[in-house]
Amino acid sequence: MTKGTTSFGKKHCKSHTTCRRCSKVSFHLQKKTCSSCGYPAKKMRNYNWSQKAKGRRTVGTGRMQYMKTMTRRFKNGFREGTQAKKQSA
């Protein structure tokens, strides 16, 4: 038996399927855990030895609907419902 091309033809059983939390094909069917996000554990799986993986799913990688306006609102003291003061020349 060779360890190359002929062996790869026998690989037709799935060990991982799509994870419902991270949508990666990382959910192990027998272990019932995701190797990427750690589902069904409540806390997301992340390690300090993989800075790249942390960066792929951290704040700022999505749309940031709420956070994108935060710096501007913070700068103005979170004021709401007021009119900007007229600037005198």
C-alpha atoms as a PDB file:
ATOM      1  CA  MET A   1       0.000   0.000   0.000  1.00  0.00           C
ATOM      2  CA  THR A   2       1.412   3.364  -0.987  1.00  0.00           C
ATOM      3  CA  LYS A   3       0.958   6.508   1.051  1.00  0.00           C
ATOM      4  CA  GLY A   4       0.294   8.821  -1.892  1.00  0.00           C
ATOM      5  CA  THR A   5      -2.319   9.019  -4.622  1.00  0.00           C
ATOM      6  CA  THR A   6      -3.925   5.624  -4.083  1.00  0.00           C
ATOM      7  CA  SER A   7      -4.482   6.291  -0.369  1.00  0.00           C
ATOM      8  CA  PHE A   8      -6.239   9.607  -1.034  1.00  0.00           C
ATOM      9  CA  GLY A   9      -8.888   7.799  -3.084  1.00  0.00           C
ATOM     10  CA  LYS A  10     -10.140   6.049   0.070  1.00  0.00           C
ATOM     11  CA  LYS A  11     -10.917   9.310   1.923  1.00  0.00           C
ATOM     12  CA  HIS A  12     -14.673   9.641   1.489  1.00  0.00           C
ATOM     13  CA  CYS A  13     -16.003   9.818   5.055  1.00  0.00           C
ATOM     14  CA  LYS A  14     -16.583  13.186   6.720  1.00  0.00           C
ATOM     15  CA  SER A  15     -15.179  13.916  10.155  1.00  0.00           C
ATOM     16  CA  HIS A  16     -16.131  17.621  10.154  1.00  0.00           C
ATOM     17  CA  THR A  17     -19.268  19.465   9.057  1.00  0.00           C
ATOM     18  CA  THR A  18     -20.403  23.111   9.111  1.00  0.00           C
ATOM     19  CA  CYS A  19     -20.482  24.801  12.517  1.00  0.00           C
ATOM     20  CA  ARG A  20     -23.666  26.741  13.266  1.00  0.00           C
ATOM     21  CA  ARG A  21     -21.785  29.496  15.150  1.00  0.00           C
ATOM     22  CA  CYS A  22     -18.746  30.256  12.990  1.00  0.00           C
ATOM     23  CA  SER A  23     -19.957  28.718   9.680  1.00  0.00           C
ATOM     24  CA  LYS A  24     -16.634  26.955   9.111  1.00  0.00           C
ATOM     25  CA  VAL A  25     -16.413  23.262   8.240  1.00  0.00           C
ATOM     26  CA  SER A  26     -14.833  22.593  11.637  1.00  0.00           C
ATOM     27  CA  PHE A  27     -17.570  20.928  13.690  1.00  0.00           C
ATOM     28  CA  HIS A  28     -16.397  17.403  14.579  1.00  0.00           C
ATOM     29  CA  LEU A  29     -19.269  14.964  14.195  1.00  0.00           C
ATOM     30  CA  GLN A  30     -18.136  12.423  16.797  1.00  0.00           C
ATOM     31  CA  LYS A  31     -16.747  14.855  19.371  1.00  0.00           C
ATOM     32  CA  LYS A  32     -19.658  17.289  18.776  1.00  0.00           C
ATOM     33  CA  THR A  33     -17.324  20.275  19.178  1.00  0.00           C
ATOM     34  CA  CYS A  34     -16.037  22.881  16.751  1.00  0.00           C
ATOM     35  CA  SER A  35     -12.280  22.936  16.339  1.00  0.00           C
ATOM     36  CA  SER A  36     -12.354  26.597  15.294  1.00  0.00           C
ATOM     37  CA  CYS A  37     -14.711  28.401  17.696  1.00  0.00           C
ATOM     38  CA  GLY A  38     -15.215  25.730  20.394  1.00  0.00           C
ATOM     39  CA  TYR A  39     -19.006  25.491  19.993  1.00  0.00           C
ATOM     40  CA  PRO A  40     -21.077  24.376  22.004  1.00  0.00           C
ATOM     41  CA  ALA A  41     -18.883  25.960  24.722  1.00  0.00           C
ATOM     42  CA  LYS A  42     -20.235  29.346  25.806  1.00  0.00           C
ATOM     43  CA  LYS A  43     -16.874  31.106  25.438  1.00  0.00           C
ATOM     44  CA  MET A  44     -15.298  31.509  22.027  1.00  0.00           C
ATOM     45  CA  ARG A  45     -12.117  29.497  21.505  1.00  0.00           C
ATOM     46  CA  ASN A  46      -9.012  31.695  21.172  1.00  0.00           C
ATOM     47  CA  TYR A  47      -5.373  31.358  22.137  1.00  0.00           C
ATOM     48  CA  ASN A  48      -2.486  33.796  22.502  1.00  0.00           C
ATOM     49  CA  TRP A  49      -0.215  31.552  20.450  1.00  0.00           C
ATOM     50  CA  SER A  50      -2.270  32.420  17.373  1.00  0.00           C
ATOM     51  CA  GLN A  51      -2.396  36.203  16.967  1.00  0.00           C
ATOM     52  CA  LYS A  52      -3.512  35.906  13.336  1.00  0.00           C
ATOM     53  CA  ALA A  53      -6.565  33.818  14.225  1.00  0.00           C
ATOM     54  CA  LYS A  54      -7.518  36.320  16.942  1.00  0.00           C
ATOM     55  CA  GLY A  55      -7.301  39.160  14.450  1.00  0.00           C
ATOM     56  CA  ARG A  56      -9.609  37.424  11.998  1.00  0.00           C
ATOM     57  CA  ARG A  57     -12.567  37.534  14.374  1.00  0.00           C
ATOM     58  CA  THR A  58     -11.913  40.525  16.618  1.00  0.00           C
ATOM     59  CA  VAL A  59     -13.615  43.927  16.781  1.00  0.00           C
ATOM     60  CA  GLY A  60     -13.260  45.782  13.495  1.00  0.00           C
ATOM     61  CA  THR A  61     -13.538  42.799  11.157  1.00  0.00           C
ATOM     62  CA  GLY A  62     -17.272  43.180  10.547  1.00  0.00           C
ATOM     63  CA  ARG A  63     -19.580  46.102   9.772  1.00  0.00           C
ATOM     64  CA  MET A  64     -19.216  47.714  13.213  1.00  0.00           C
ATOM     65  CA  GLN A  65     -22.671  49.354  12.985  1.00  0.00           C
ATOM     66  CA  TYR A  66     -22.458  50.660  16.532  1.00  0.00           C
ATOM     67  CA  MET A  67     -18.714  51.064  17.053  1.00  0.00           C
ATOM     68  CA  LYS A  68     -17.957  53.033  13.875  1.00  0.00           C
ATOM     69  CA  THR A  69     -19.718  56.138  15.224  1.00  0.00           C
ATOM     70  CA  MET A  70     -18.304  55.770  18.747  1.00  0.00           C
ATOM     71  CA  THR A  71     -15.122  57.865  18.337  1.00  0.00           C
ATOM     72  CA  ARG A  72     -17.025  60.843  16.899  1.00  0.00           C
ATOM     73  CA  ARG A  73     -19.699  60.679  19.592  1.00  0.00           C
ATOM     74  CA  PHE A  74     -17.071  60.344  22.334  1.00  0.00           C
ATOM     75  CA  LYS A  75     -15.235  63.396  21.017  1.00  0.00           C
ATOM     76  CA  ASN A  76     -18.435  65.436  21.354  1.00  0.00           C
ATOM     77  CA  GLY A  77     -19.283  64.148  24.831  1.00  0.00           C
ATOM     78  CA  PHE A  78     -22.170  61.915  23.673  1.00  0.00           C
ATOM     79  CA  ARG A  79     -24.446  64.925  23.150  1.00  0.00           C
ATOM     80  CA  GLU A  80     -27.868  64.221  21.646  1.00  0.00           C
ATOM     81  CA  GLY A  81     -30.807  66.309  20.473  1.00  0.00           C
ATOM     82  CA  THR A  82     -28.908  69.610  20.343  1.00  0.00           C
ATOM     83  CA  GLN A  83     -28.063  71.995  17.539  1.00  0.00           C
ATOM     84  CA  ALA A  84     -24.441  72.848  16.768  1.00  0.00           C
ATOM     85  CA  LYS A  85     -23.410  76.322  17.940  1.00  0.00           C
ATOM     86  CA  LYS A  86     -22.916  79.013  15.282  1.00  0.00           C
ATOM     87  CA  GLN A  87     -19.292  79.848  14.704  1.00  0.00           C
ATOM     88  CA  SER A  88     -18.586  83.594  14.706  1.00  0.00           C
ATOM     89  CA  ALA A  89     -16.087  84.784  12.128  1.00  0.00           C
END
